[in-house]
């Protein structure tokens, strides 16, 4: 068995519901799959002495899970006052409307189609609920509407699907773009270097104790895959499906459809930069 401390980002261990930092509690959704890993992490955030909480990514439309999130907050003596979305994929956002009904909260997101209420989210926004401070960090690339949330008091960042607790994420072409994604990773790296962020609270998988190591691994992985795709094209593998079969031959075939989206994004990026 591999020592977790030797893995990229130093994953904390088993994924499950419970406290992750002084201000963050996870409620794991029962939707495990090859794409969602152990399931969606729904995060409840609150100042230790506050009776108000913020929820990030209510998750799928699963009544049991949504009620479990509410119950977890209430058992801690807190009322959920605001719901935020990292992006619009169903495993993160499908339950938001029902969750808003259960909690009476607004739903804030970058994409206006996902909002419930007048307020959205934008780069530089600072959310203060019950004394909690969250800073909105735009991290497009996985999707065009992807956001992360910087939690300065815990030196943590909630990354949605931009950085996962295990493995790597896809660039969901054509909505997601590789150039945007690389810029987002660099933005997250600056949080680790300039703002002291050391913990990643991801949308799937375990908490990562080494945020900088995780981001550096992602950047190196993307550079490696891009070089592989460029070489594959030079060797005559032209279509995205053909490139996937060549470059991702060692990857579980159930992940090939997602890999093909990333390859399409890589081919587009290489073309835009005159590399193929």
C-alpha atoms as a PDB file:
ATOM      1  CA  UNK A   1       0.000   0.000   0.000  1.00  0.00           C
ATOM      2  CA  UNK A   2       1.291   3.462  -0.925  1.00  0.00           C
ATOM      3  CA  UNK A   3       1.954   5.876   1.932  1.00  0.00           C
ATOM      4  CA  UNK A   4      -0.538   8.735   1.523  1.00  0.00           C
ATOM      5  CA  UNK A   5       2.147  11.234   2.551  1.00  0.00           C
ATOM      6  CA  UNK A   6       4.081  10.263  -0.588  1.00  0.00           C
ATOM      7  CA  UNK A   7       1.149  10.922  -2.955  1.00  0.00           C
ATOM      8  CA  UNK A   8       0.645  14.257  -4.750  1.00  0.00           C
ATOM      9  CA  UNK A   9      -0.889  16.780  -2.391  1.00  0.00           C
ATOM     10  CA  UNK A  10      -0.600  14.415   0.615  1.00  0.00           C
ATOM     11  CA  UNK A  11      -4.209  13.183   0.777  1.00  0.00           C
ATOM     12  CA  UNK A  12      -5.452  12.935   4.338  1.00  0.00           C
ATOM     13  CA  UNK A  13      -6.855   9.417   4.042  1.00  0.00           C
ATOM     14  CA  UNK A  14     -10.311   7.905   3.813  1.00  0.00           C
ATOM     15  CA  UNK A  15     -13.080  10.112   2.477  1.00  0.00           C
ATOM     16  CA  UNK A  16     -16.122  10.519   4.683  1.00  0.00           C
ATOM     17  CA  UNK A  17     -18.459  12.911   6.398  1.00  0.00           C
ATOM     18  CA  UNK A  18     -17.123  14.957   9.287  1.00  0.00           C
ATOM     19  CA  UNK A  19     -14.928  17.931  10.256  1.00  0.00           C
ATOM     20  CA  UNK A  20     -12.011  18.748   7.937  1.00  0.00           C
ATOM     21  CA  UNK A  21     -10.778  22.064   9.368  1.00  0.00           C
ATOM     22  CA  UNK A  22     -11.833  24.368  12.180  1.00  0.00           C
ATOM     23  CA  UNK A  23     -14.503  25.864   9.915  1.00  0.00           C
ATOM     24  CA  UNK A  24     -15.288  23.166   7.344  1.00  0.00           C
ATOM     25  CA  UNK A  25     -17.385  20.022   7.702  1.00  0.00           C
ATOM     26  CA  UNK A  26     -17.957  17.559   4.869  1.00  0.00           C
ATOM     27  CA  UNK A  27     -21.195  15.694   4.164  1.00  0.00           C
ATOM     28  CA  UNK A  28     -20.407  13.039   1.562  1.00  0.00           C
ATOM     29  CA  UNK A  29     -23.128  12.453  -1.018  1.00  0.00           C
ATOM     30  CA  UNK A  30     -24.059   8.836  -1.855  1.00  0.00           C
ATOM     31  CA  UNK A  31     -23.169   9.139  -5.545  1.00  0.00           C
ATOM     32  CA  UNK A  32     -19.819   7.322  -6.002  1.00  0.00           C
ATOM     33  CA  UNK A  33     -18.669   6.571  -9.539  1.00  0.00           C
ATOM     34  CA  UNK A  34     -15.580   6.581 -11.731  1.00  0.00           C
ATOM     35  CA  UNK A  35     -16.167  10.292 -12.347  1.00  0.00           C
ATOM     36  CA  UNK A  36     -17.237  11.373  -8.837  1.00  0.00           C
ATOM     37  CA  UNK A  37     -14.771   9.149  -6.928  1.00  0.00           C
ATOM     38  CA  UNK A  38     -16.211   8.492  -3.446  1.00  0.00           C
ATOM     39  CA  UNK A  39     -19.093  10.898  -4.114  1.00  0.00           C
ATOM     40  CA  UNK A  40     -19.627  14.646  -4.026  1.00  0.00           C
ATOM     41  CA  UNK A  41     -18.238  16.527  -1.040  1.00  0.00           C
ATOM     42  CA  UNK A  42     -20.838  18.999   0.233  1.00  0.00           C
ATOM     43  CA  UNK A  43     -19.113  21.531   2.459  1.00  0.00           C
ATOM     44  CA  UNK A  44     -20.676  23.259   5.468  1.00  0.00           C
ATOM     45  CA  UNK A  45     -18.639  26.296   6.531  1.00  0.00           C
ATOM     46  CA  UNK A  46     -19.048  28.387   9.677  1.00  0.00           C
ATOM     47  CA  UNK A  47     -17.078  30.334  12.210  1.00  0.00           C
ATOM     48  CA  UNK A  48     -16.621  28.199  15.351  1.00  0.00           C
ATOM     49  CA  UNK A  49     -18.752  30.530  17.512  1.00  0.00           C
ATOM     50  CA  UNK A  50     -21.402  31.362  14.864  1.00  0.00           C
ATOM     51  CA  UNK A  51     -24.945  30.064  14.538  1.00  0.00           C
ATOM     52  CA  UNK A  52     -24.950  30.741  10.776  1.00  0.00           C
ATOM     53  CA  UNK A  53     -23.455  28.477   8.110  1.00  0.00           C
ATOM     54  CA  UNK A  54     -22.681  28.556   4.385  1.00  0.00           C
ATOM     55  CA  UNK A  55     -23.045  25.467   2.207  1.00  0.00           C
ATOM     56  CA  UNK A  56     -20.945  24.937  -0.915  1.00  0.00           C
ATOM     57  CA  UNK A  57     -22.292  22.485  -3.520  1.00  0.00           C
ATOM     58  CA  UNK A  58     -25.450  20.808  -2.144  1.00  0.00           C
ATOM     59  CA  UNK A  59     -24.769  17.998  -4.598  1.00  0.00           C
ATOM     60  CA  UNK A  60     -27.150  15.722  -6.490  1.00  0.00           C
ATOM     61  CA  UNK A  61     -30.922  15.799  -6.186  1.00  0.00           C
ATOM     62  CA  UNK A  62     -30.991  13.217  -3.418  1.00  0.00           C
ATOM     63  CA  UNK A  63     -33.507  13.981  -0.676  1.00  0.00           C
ATOM     64  CA  UNK A  64     -31.673  11.914   1.921  1.00  0.00           C
ATOM     65  CA  UNK A  65     -28.390  13.689   1.270  1.00  0.00           C
ATOM     66  CA  UNK A  66     -29.900  17.171   1.246  1.00  0.00           C
ATOM     67  CA  UNK A  67     -31.664  16.520   4.547  1.00  0.00           C
ATOM     68  CA  UNK A  68     -28.451  15.078   5.982  1.00  0.00           C
ATOM     69  CA  UNK A  69     -26.707  18.377   5.200  1.00  0.00           C
ATOM     70  CA  UNK A  70     -29.435  20.335   6.987  1.00  0.00           C
ATOM     71  CA  UNK A  71     -29.401  17.927   9.931  1.00  0.00           C
ATOM     72  CA  UNK A  72     -25.609  18.138  10.257  1.00  0.00           C
ATOM     73  CA  UNK A  73     -25.759  21.931  10.498  1.00  0.00           C
ATOM     74  CA  UNK A  74     -28.688  21.918  12.925  1.00  0.00           C
ATOM     75  CA  UNK A  75     -27.038  19.361  15.215  1.00  0.00           C
ATOM     76  CA  UNK A  76     -24.131  21.801  15.491  1.00  0.00           C
ATOM     77  CA  UNK A  77     -26.569  24.554  16.467  1.00  0.00           C
ATOM     78  CA  UNK A  78     -26.392  26.333  13.123  1.00  0.00           C
ATOM     79  CA  UNK A  79     -28.822  27.611  10.522  1.00  0.00           C
ATOM     80  CA  UNK A  80     -27.815  27.450   6.865  1.00  0.00           C
ATOM     81  CA  UNK A  81     -27.941  31.034   5.624  1.00  0.00           C
ATOM     82  CA  UNK A  82     -26.434  30.860   2.124  1.00  0.00           C
ATOM     83  CA  UNK A  83     -25.768  28.332  -0.632  1.00  0.00           C
ATOM     84  CA  UNK A  84     -22.871  28.667  -3.100  1.00  0.00           C
ATOM     85  CA  UNK A  85     -21.975  26.671  -6.209  1.00  0.00           C
ATOM     86  CA  UNK A  86     -18.505  25.970  -7.570  1.00  0.00           C
ATOM     87  CA  UNK A  87     -20.008  25.157 -10.998  1.00  0.00           C
ATOM     88  CA  UNK A  88     -23.104  23.803 -12.651  1.00  0.00           C
ATOM     89  CA  UNK A  89     -22.423  20.095 -13.145  1.00  0.00           C
ATOM     90  CA  UNK A  90     -25.323  18.023 -11.822  1.00  0.00           C
ATOM     91  CA  UNK A  91     -23.313  16.163  -9.199  1.00  0.00           C
ATOM     92  CA  UNK A  92     -22.633  19.527  -7.538  1.00  0.00           C
ATOM     93  CA  UNK A  93     -25.647  21.641  -8.372  1.00  0.00           C
ATOM     94  CA  UNK A  94     -28.669  19.528  -9.284  1.00  0.00           C
ATOM     95  CA  UNK A  95     -29.956  19.527  -5.711  1.00  0.00           C
ATOM     96  CA  UNK A  96     -29.556  23.287  -5.220  1.00  0.00           C
ATOM     97  CA  UNK A  97     -33.175  24.193  -5.967  1.00  0.00           C
ATOM     98  CA  UNK A  98     -34.580  21.639  -3.538  1.00  0.00           C
ATOM     99  CA  UNK A  99     -31.938  22.568  -0.978  1.00  0.00           C
ATOM    100  CA  UNK A 100     -33.023  26.202  -1.250  1.00  0.00           C
ATOM    101  CA  UNK A 101     -36.582  25.090  -0.485  1.00  0.00           C
ATOM    102  CA  UNK A 102     -35.449  23.145   2.573  1.00  0.00           C
ATOM    103  CA  UNK A 103     -33.307  25.976   3.943  1.00  0.00           C
ATOM    104  CA  UNK A 104     -34.912  29.150   2.602  1.00  0.00           C
ATOM    105  CA  UNK A 105     -31.544  30.270   1.276  1.00  0.00           C
ATOM    106  CA  UNK A 106     -30.464  32.107  -1.822  1.00  0.00           C
ATOM    107  CA  UNK A 107     -28.219  30.234  -4.258  1.00  0.00           C
ATOM    108  CA  UNK A 108     -25.286  32.218  -5.588  1.00  0.00           C
ATOM    109  CA  UNK A 109     -23.282  31.078  -8.618  1.00  0.00           C
ATOM    110  CA  UNK A 110     -21.320  32.527 -11.508  1.00  0.00           C
ATOM    111  CA  UNK A 111     -23.842  31.269 -14.074  1.00  0.00           C
ATOM    112  CA  UNK A 112     -27.079  33.318 -13.856  1.00  0.00           C
ATOM    113  CA  UNK A 113     -29.082  30.226 -14.855  1.00  0.00           C
ATOM    114  CA  UNK A 114     -28.065  28.539 -11.589  1.00  0.00           C
ATOM    115  CA  UNK A 115     -28.879  31.411  -9.243  1.00  0.00           C
ATOM    116  CA  UNK A 116     -31.861  31.694  -6.941  1.00  0.00           C
ATOM    117  CA  UNK A 117     -31.983  35.335  -5.945  1.00  0.00           C
ATOM    118  CA  UNK A 118     -30.567  38.538  -7.374  1.00  0.00           C
ATOM    119  CA  UNK A 119     -26.915  38.125  -6.378  1.00  0.00           C
ATOM    120  CA  UNK A 120     -24.354  36.200  -8.365  1.00  0.00           C
ATOM    121  CA  UNK A 121     -20.672  35.615  -7.783  1.00  0.00           C
ATOM    122  CA  UNK A 122     -17.730  37.325  -9.418  1.00  0.00           C
ATOM    123  CA  UNK A 123     -13.966  37.566  -9.090  1.00  0.00           C
ATOM    124  CA  UNK A 124     -12.937  39.523  -6.020  1.00  0.00           C
ATOM    125  CA  UNK A 125     -16.238  39.073  -4.170  1.00  0.00           C
ATOM    126  CA  UNK A 126     -15.835  38.565  -0.449  1.00  0.00           C
ATOM    127  CA  UNK A 127     -18.622  36.707   1.322  1.00  0.00           C
ATOM    128  CA  UNK A 128     -19.149  37.399   5.013  1.00  0.00           C
ATOM    129  CA  UNK A 129     -21.846  35.337   6.693  1.00  0.00           C
ATOM    130  CA  UNK A 130     -21.886  34.926  10.444  1.00  0.00           C
ATOM    131  CA  UNK A 131     -18.357  36.348  10.581  1.00  0.00           C
ATOM    132  CA  UNK A 132     -17.035  33.818   8.071  1.00  0.00           C
ATOM    133  CA  UNK A 133     -14.835  35.247   5.318  1.00  0.00           C
ATOM    134  CA  UNK A 134     -14.780  33.563   1.897  1.00  0.00           C
ATOM    135  CA  UNK A 135     -13.034  35.056  -1.128  1.00  0.00           C
ATOM    136  CA  UNK A 136     -14.250  34.148  -4.615  1.00  0.00           C
ATOM    137  CA  UNK A 137     -11.470  32.933  -6.921  1.00  0.00           C
ATOM    138  CA  UNK A 138     -12.322  32.464 -10.620  1.00  0.00           C
ATOM    139  CA  UNK A 139     -10.923  29.130 -11.813  1.00  0.00           C
ATOM    140  CA  UNK A 140     -12.424  28.432 -15.255  1.00  0.00           C
ATOM    141  CA  UNK A 141     -11.169  25.545 -17.355  1.00  0.00           C
ATOM    142  CA  UNK A 142     -12.889  22.431 -16.070  1.00  0.00           C
ATOM    143  CA  UNK A 143     -15.997  24.407 -17.032  1.00  0.00           C
ATOM    144  CA  UNK A 144     -16.360  28.041 -18.010  1.00  0.00           C
ATOM    145  CA  UNK A 145     -18.271  28.800 -14.787  1.00  0.00           C
ATOM    146  CA  UNK A 146     -15.895  27.075 -12.338  1.00  0.00           C
ATOM    147  CA  UNK A 147     -15.087  28.956  -9.136  1.00  0.00           C
ATOM    148  CA  UNK A 148     -12.974  28.232  -6.093  1.00  0.00           C
ATOM    149  CA  UNK A 149     -13.382  29.731  -2.624  1.00  0.00           C
ATOM    150  CA  UNK A 150     -10.469  30.876  -0.481  1.00  0.00           C
ATOM    151  CA  UNK A 151     -11.018  30.386   3.264  1.00  0.00           C
ATOM    152  CA  UNK A 152      -8.185  32.502   4.720  1.00  0.00           C
ATOM    153  CA  UNK A 153      -8.811  31.700   8.385  1.00  0.00           C
ATOM    154  CA  UNK A 154      -8.159  27.992   7.735  1.00  0.00           C
ATOM    155  CA  UNK A 155      -5.481  28.624   5.090  1.00  0.00           C
ATOM    156  CA  UNK A 156      -7.637  26.505   2.796  1.00  0.00           C
ATOM    157  CA  UNK A 157      -9.201  26.643  -0.653  1.00  0.00           C
ATOM    158  CA  UNK A 158     -12.344  24.865  -1.818  1.00  0.00           C
ATOM    159  CA  UNK A 159     -11.702  23.859  -5.414  1.00  0.00           C
ATOM    160  CA  UNK A 160     -14.805  22.071  -6.692  1.00  0.00           C
ATOM    161  CA  UNK A 161     -13.581  19.987  -9.632  1.00  0.00           C
ATOM    162  CA  UNK A 162     -10.599  22.198 -10.495  1.00  0.00           C
ATOM    163  CA  UNK A 163      -8.356  20.160  -8.182  1.00  0.00           C
ATOM    164  CA  UNK A 164      -9.556  16.772  -6.915  1.00  0.00           C
ATOM    165  CA  UNK A 165      -8.468  14.880  -3.853  1.00  0.00           C
ATOM    166  CA  UNK A 166      -7.353  11.940  -5.958  1.00  0.00           C
ATOM    167  CA  UNK A 167      -6.274  11.690  -9.590  1.00  0.00           C
ATOM    168  CA  UNK A 168      -6.771  14.563 -12.005  1.00  0.00           C
ATOM    169  CA  UNK A 169      -9.779  16.301 -13.487  1.00  0.00           C
ATOM    170  CA  UNK A 170     -10.981  16.723 -17.054  1.00  0.00           C
ATOM    171  CA  UNK A 171     -11.287  19.829 -19.173  1.00  0.00           C
ATOM    172  CA  UNK A 172     -14.909  19.574 -20.287  1.00  0.00           C
ATOM    173  CA  UNK A 173     -14.492  20.747 -23.885  1.00  0.00           C
ATOM    174  CA  UNK A 174     -15.972  22.754 -25.550  1.00  0.00           C
ATOM    175  CA  UNK A 175     -17.221  24.642 -22.480  1.00  0.00           C
ATOM    176  CA  UNK A 176     -13.931  24.091 -20.689  1.00  0.00           C
ATOM    177  CA  UNK A 177     -10.737  25.405 -22.263  1.00  0.00           C
ATOM    178  CA  UNK A 178      -7.201  24.244 -21.527  1.00  0.00           C
ATOM    179  CA  UNK A 179      -5.650  27.717 -21.612  1.00  0.00           C
ATOM    180  CA  UNK A 180      -8.146  28.900 -19.012  1.00  0.00           C
ATOM    181  CA  UNK A 181      -7.477  25.816 -16.908  1.00  0.00           C
ATOM    182  CA  UNK A 182      -3.709  26.334 -16.891  1.00  0.00           C
ATOM    183  CA  UNK A 183      -4.236  29.965 -15.879  1.00  0.00           C
ATOM    184  CA  UNK A 184      -6.524  28.806 -13.072  1.00  0.00           C
ATOM    185  CA  UNK A 185      -3.941  26.363 -11.770  1.00  0.00           C
ATOM    186  CA  UNK A 186      -1.362  29.136 -11.745  1.00  0.00           C
ATOM    187  CA  UNK A 187      -3.842  31.329  -9.859  1.00  0.00           C
ATOM    188  CA  UNK A 188      -4.260  28.607  -7.253  1.00  0.00           C
ATOM    189  CA  UNK A 189      -0.505  28.195  -7.043  1.00  0.00           C
ATOM    190  CA  UNK A 190      -0.195  31.897  -6.232  1.00  0.00           C
ATOM    191  CA  UNK A 191      -2.601  31.379  -3.323  1.00  0.00           C
ATOM    192  CA  UNK A 192      -0.263  28.746  -1.927  1.00  0.00           C
ATOM    193  CA  UNK A 193       2.831  30.899  -2.404  1.00  0.00           C
ATOM    194  CA  UNK A 194       1.526  34.377  -1.609  1.00  0.00           C
ATOM    195  CA  UNK A 195      -1.423  33.727   0.716  1.00  0.00           C
ATOM    196  CA  UNK A 196      -0.242  30.737   2.703  1.00  0.00           C
ATOM    197  CA  UNK A 197      -2.910  28.298   1.534  1.00  0.00           C
ATOM    198  CA  UNK A 198      -1.874  24.765   2.466  1.00  0.00           C
ATOM    199  CA  UNK A 199      -5.141  22.770   2.468  1.00  0.00           C
ATOM    200  CA  UNK A 200      -7.340  21.790  -0.469  1.00  0.00           C
ATOM    201  CA  UNK A 201     -10.983  20.995   0.272  1.00  0.00           C
ATOM    202  CA  UNK A 202     -11.962  19.373  -3.039  1.00  0.00           C
ATOM    203  CA  UNK A 203     -15.328  18.592  -4.603  1.00  0.00           C
ATOM    204  CA  UNK A 204     -14.417  14.891  -4.708  1.00  0.00           C
ATOM    205  CA  UNK A 205     -11.881  12.765  -2.883  1.00  0.00           C
ATOM    206  CA  UNK A 206      -9.881  13.303   0.296  1.00  0.00           C
ATOM    207  CA  UNK A 207      -8.656  16.563   1.772  1.00  0.00           C
ATOM    208  CA  UNK A 208      -5.165  17.468   0.565  1.00  0.00           C
ATOM    209  CA  UNK A 209      -2.658  18.688   3.137  1.00  0.00           C
ATOM    210  CA  UNK A 210      -0.126  20.027   0.604  1.00  0.00           C
ATOM    211  CA  UNK A 211      -1.954  22.456  -1.658  1.00  0.00           C
ATOM    212  CA  UNK A 212       1.172  23.672  -3.426  1.00  0.00           C
ATOM    213  CA  UNK A 213       2.336  20.130  -4.110  1.00  0.00           C
ATOM    214  CA  UNK A 214      -1.077  19.242  -5.530  1.00  0.00           C
ATOM    215  CA  UNK A 215      -1.157  22.217  -7.882  1.00  0.00           C
ATOM    216  CA  UNK A 216       2.428  21.652  -9.002  1.00  0.00           C
ATOM    217  CA  UNK A 217       1.530  18.024  -9.743  1.00  0.00           C
ATOM    218  CA  UNK A 218      -1.474  19.137 -11.806  1.00  0.00           C
ATOM    219  CA  UNK A 219       0.620  21.595 -13.808  1.00  0.00           C
ATOM    220  CA  UNK A 220       3.290  18.968 -14.475  1.00  0.00           C
ATOM    221  CA  UNK A 221       0.645  16.398 -15.420  1.00  0.00           C
ATOM    222  CA  UNK A 222      -0.974  18.792 -17.890  1.00  0.00           C
ATOM    223  CA  UNK A 223       2.384  19.613 -19.475  1.00  0.00           C
ATOM    224  CA  UNK A 224       3.169  15.895 -19.786  1.00  0.00           C
ATOM    225  CA  UNK A 225      -0.201  15.038 -21.338  1.00  0.00           C
ATOM    226  CA  UNK A 226       0.048  17.969 -23.734  1.00  0.00           C
ATOM    227  CA  UNK A 227       3.460  16.778 -24.910  1.00  0.00           C
ATOM    228  CA  UNK A 228       2.069  13.268 -25.368  1.00  0.00           C
ATOM    229  CA  UNK A 229      -0.828  14.544 -27.454  1.00  0.00           C
ATOM    230  CA  UNK A 230       1.487  16.697 -29.575  1.00  0.00           C
ATOM    231  CA  UNK A 231       3.737  13.688 -30.195  1.00  0.00           C
ATOM    232  CA  UNK A 232       0.757  11.480 -31.021  1.00  0.00           C
ATOM    233  CA  UNK A 233      -0.423  13.963 -33.646  1.00  0.00           C
ATOM    234  CA  UNK A 234       3.071  14.191 -35.126  1.00  0.00           C
ATOM    235  CA  UNK A 235       3.014  10.392 -35.413  1.00  0.00           C
ATOM    236  CA  UNK A 236      -0.203  10.439 -37.382  1.00  0.00           C
ATOM    237  CA  UNK A 237      -2.897  10.055 -34.714  1.00  0.00           C
ATOM    238  CA  UNK A 238      -5.296  12.756 -35.848  1.00  0.00           C
ATOM    239  CA  UNK A 239      -8.788  12.299 -34.426  1.00  0.00           C
ATOM    240  CA  UNK A 240      -9.461  12.817 -30.730  1.00  0.00           C
ATOM    241  CA  UNK A 241     -10.631   9.218 -30.252  1.00  0.00           C
ATOM    242  CA  UNK A 242      -7.488   7.905 -31.938  1.00  0.00           C
ATOM    243  CA  UNK A 243      -5.287  10.107 -29.729  1.00  0.00           C
ATOM    244  CA  UNK A 244      -7.097   8.892 -26.603  1.00  0.00           C
ATOM    245  CA  UNK A 245      -6.559   5.244 -27.543  1.00  0.00           C
ATOM    246  CA  UNK A 246      -2.841   5.964 -28.000  1.00  0.00           C
ATOM    247  CA  UNK A 247      -2.131   8.339 -25.094  1.00  0.00           C
ATOM    248  CA  UNK A 248      -4.571   6.932 -22.514  1.00  0.00           C
ATOM    249  CA  UNK A 249      -3.982   3.248 -23.255  1.00  0.00           C
ATOM    250  CA  UNK A 250      -3.088   2.636 -19.596  1.00  0.00           C
ATOM    251  CA  UNK A 251      -6.233   4.368 -18.278  1.00  0.00           C
ATOM    252  CA  UNK A 252      -9.483   2.559 -17.437  1.00  0.00           C
ATOM    253  CA  UNK A 253     -11.610   2.612 -20.589  1.00  0.00           C
ATOM    254  CA  UNK A 254     -14.627   3.803 -18.580  1.00  0.00           C
ATOM    255  CA  UNK A 255     -12.761   7.125 -18.314  1.00  0.00           C
ATOM    256  CA  UNK A 256     -12.020   7.419 -22.027  1.00  0.00           C
ATOM    257  CA  UNK A 257     -15.092   9.543 -22.834  1.00  0.00           C
ATOM    258  CA  UNK A 258     -13.941  12.121 -20.277  1.00  0.00           C
ATOM    259  CA  UNK A 259     -10.373  11.812 -21.552  1.00  0.00           C
ATOM    260  CA  UNK A 260     -11.624  12.525 -25.062  1.00  0.00           C
ATOM    261  CA  UNK A 261     -13.073  15.850 -23.883  1.00  0.00           C
ATOM    262  CA  UNK A 262      -9.689  16.765 -22.412  1.00  0.00           C
ATOM    263  CA  UNK A 263      -7.919  15.683 -25.606  1.00  0.00           C
ATOM    264  CA  UNK A 264     -10.224  17.858 -27.690  1.00  0.00           C
ATOM    265  CA  UNK A 265      -9.300  20.767 -25.427  1.00  0.00           C
ATOM    266  CA  UNK A 266      -5.612  19.922 -25.818  1.00  0.00           C
ATOM    267  CA  UNK A 267      -5.871  19.708 -29.610  1.00  0.00           C
ATOM    268  CA  UNK A 268      -7.623  23.062 -29.676  1.00  0.00           C
ATOM    269  CA  UNK A 269      -4.910  24.566 -27.468  1.00  0.00           C
ATOM    270  CA  UNK A 270      -2.100  23.172 -29.621  1.00  0.00           C
ATOM    271  CA  UNK A 271      -3.795  24.485 -32.742  1.00  0.00           C
ATOM    272  CA  UNK A 272      -4.287  27.949 -31.281  1.00  0.00           C
ATOM    273  CA  UNK A 273      -0.601  28.100 -30.372  1.00  0.00           C
ATOM    274  CA  UNK A 274       0.552  26.862 -33.803  1.00  0.00           C
ATOM    275  CA  UNK A 275       2.031  23.653 -32.382  1.00  0.00           C
ATOM    276  CA  UNK A 276       0.135  21.272 -34.670  1.00  0.00           C
END
